[in-house]
Amino acid sequence: MATSTVLSILVLAAIALLVGAFILWRKGGASRQVTLMVILALVAIANIAIWTVPDADGNAPIGQLAAPRP
């Protein structure tokens, strides 16, 4: 599976976690589950940022991955 596909799925999962946490919070669900869902979404977003945000030299870690061999 390509790295861009994995990052796309991770973004969608983070969005789904935040939306789900909001809905659960509005319905009066367990606050522990809401908190854990938000924390997990923030961890996923941090991982996406680690892979995609360039450093001071302008190089992003995702761009340094080796190309797959045929």
C-alpha atoms as a PDB file:
ATOM      1  CA  MET A   1       0.000   0.000   0.000  1.00  0.00           C
ATOM      2  CA  ALA A   2       1.387   3.392  -0.952  1.00  0.00           C
ATOM      3  CA  THR A   3       2.380   5.807   1.780  1.00  0.00           C
ATOM      4  CA  SER A   4       0.024   8.484   0.477  1.00  0.00           C
ATOM      5  CA  THR A   5      -2.866   6.025   0.755  1.00  0.00           C
ATOM      6  CA  VAL A   6      -1.987   5.234   4.349  1.00  0.00           C
ATOM      7  CA  LEU A   7      -1.760   8.924   5.241  1.00  0.00           C
ATOM      8  CA  SER A   8      -5.108   9.578   3.533  1.00  0.00           C
ATOM      9  CA  ILE A   9      -6.773   6.811   5.522  1.00  0.00           C
ATOM     10  CA  LEU A  10      -5.195   8.199   8.696  1.00  0.00           C
ATOM     11  CA  VAL A  11      -6.623  11.662   7.973  1.00  0.00           C
ATOM     12  CA  LEU A  12     -10.075  10.187   7.381  1.00  0.00           C
ATOM     13  CA  ALA A  13      -9.804   8.171  10.604  1.00  0.00           C
ATOM     14  CA  ALA A  14      -8.826  11.265  12.589  1.00  0.00           C
ATOM     15  CA  ILE A  15     -11.779  13.192  11.173  1.00  0.00           C
ATOM     16  CA  ALA A  16     -14.130  10.304  11.925  1.00  0.00           C
ATOM     17  CA  LEU A  17     -12.813  10.101  15.496  1.00  0.00           C
ATOM     18  CA  LEU A  18     -13.379  13.808  16.075  1.00  0.00           C
ATOM     19  CA  VAL A  19     -16.880  13.716  14.585  1.00  0.00           C
ATOM     20  CA  GLY A  20     -17.720  10.597  16.572  1.00  0.00           C
ATOM     21  CA  ALA A  21     -16.412  12.144  19.778  1.00  0.00           C
ATOM     22  CA  PHE A  22     -18.504  15.256  19.193  1.00  0.00           C
ATOM     23  CA  ILE A  23     -21.647  13.232  18.541  1.00  0.00           C
ATOM     24  CA  LEU A  24     -21.025  11.051  21.590  1.00  0.00           C
ATOM     25  CA  TRP A  25     -20.411  14.147  23.719  1.00  0.00           C
ATOM     26  CA  ARG A  26     -23.649  15.783  22.503  1.00  0.00           C
ATOM     27  CA  LYS A  27     -25.630  12.627  23.335  1.00  0.00           C
ATOM     28  CA  GLY A  28     -24.218  12.619  26.860  1.00  0.00           C
ATOM     29  CA  GLY A  29     -22.051   9.538  26.366  1.00  0.00           C
ATOM     30  CA  ALA A  30     -19.211   8.402  28.563  1.00  0.00           C
ATOM     31  CA  SER A  31     -16.763  11.277  28.942  1.00  0.00           C
ATOM     32  CA  ARG A  32     -13.820   8.866  29.167  1.00  0.00           C
ATOM     33  CA  GLN A  33     -14.584   7.508  25.692  1.00  0.00           C
ATOM     34  CA  VAL A  34     -14.975  11.015  24.285  1.00  0.00           C
ATOM     35  CA  THR A  35     -11.640  12.052  25.788  1.00  0.00           C
ATOM     36  CA  LEU A  36      -9.854   8.962  24.487  1.00  0.00           C
ATOM     37  CA  MET A  37     -11.287   9.468  21.000  1.00  0.00           C
ATOM     38  CA  VAL A  38     -10.054  13.070  20.929  1.00  0.00           C
ATOM     39  CA  ILE A  39      -6.611  12.045  22.224  1.00  0.00           C
ATOM     40  CA  LEU A  40      -6.342   9.315  19.574  1.00  0.00           C
ATOM     41  CA  ALA A  41      -7.319  11.788  16.856  1.00  0.00           C
ATOM     42  CA  LEU A  42      -4.674  14.244  18.085  1.00  0.00           C
ATOM     43  CA  VAL A  43      -2.026  11.498  18.065  1.00  0.00           C
ATOM     44  CA  ALA A  44      -2.998  10.578  14.505  1.00  0.00           C
ATOM     45  CA  ILE A  45      -2.793  14.228  13.424  1.00  0.00           C
ATOM     46  CA  ALA A  46       0.613  14.555  15.102  1.00  0.00           C
ATOM     47  CA  ASN A  47       1.856  11.498  13.210  1.00  0.00           C
ATOM     48  CA  ILE A  48       0.621  12.970   9.940  1.00  0.00           C
ATOM     49  CA  ALA A  49       2.405  16.226  10.738  1.00  0.00           C
ATOM     50  CA  ILE A  50       5.635  14.413  11.590  1.00  0.00           C
ATOM     51  CA  TRP A  51       5.629  12.718   8.177  1.00  0.00           C
ATOM     52  CA  THR A  52       4.519  15.657   6.044  1.00  0.00           C
ATOM     53  CA  VAL A  53       5.810  18.906   7.581  1.00  0.00           C
ATOM     54  CA  PRO A  54       9.223  19.855   6.176  1.00  0.00           C
ATOM     55  CA  ASP A  55      12.198  20.609   8.410  1.00  0.00           C
ATOM     56  CA  ALA A  56      14.360  23.740   8.320  1.00  0.00           C
ATOM     57  CA  ASP A  57      16.058  22.523   5.130  1.00  0.00           C
ATOM     58  CA  GLY A  58      12.711  22.019   3.384  1.00  0.00           C
ATOM     59  CA  ASN A  59      12.860  18.211   3.385  1.00  0.00           C
ATOM     60  CA  ALA A  60       9.814  16.277   4.552  1.00  0.00           C
ATOM     61  CA  PRO A  61      10.389  12.728   5.872  1.00  0.00           C
ATOM     62  CA  ILE A  62       7.829  11.329   3.439  1.00  0.00           C
ATOM     63  CA  GLY A  63       9.871  12.660   0.539  1.00  0.00           C
ATOM     64  CA  GLN A  64      12.962  10.817   1.752  1.00  0.00           C
ATOM     65  CA  LEU A  65      11.444   7.371   1.491  1.00  0.00           C
ATOM     66  CA  ALA A  66      13.101   5.128  -1.061  1.00  0.00           C
ATOM     67  CA  ALA A  67      11.181   4.503  -4.237  1.00  0.00           C
ATOM     68  CA  PRO A  68       9.789   0.966  -4.495  1.00  0.00           C
ATOM     69  CA  ARG A  69      11.862  -1.381  -6.586  1.00  0.00           C
ATOM     70  CA  PRO A  70      10.177  -3.020  -9.569  1.00  0.00           C
END
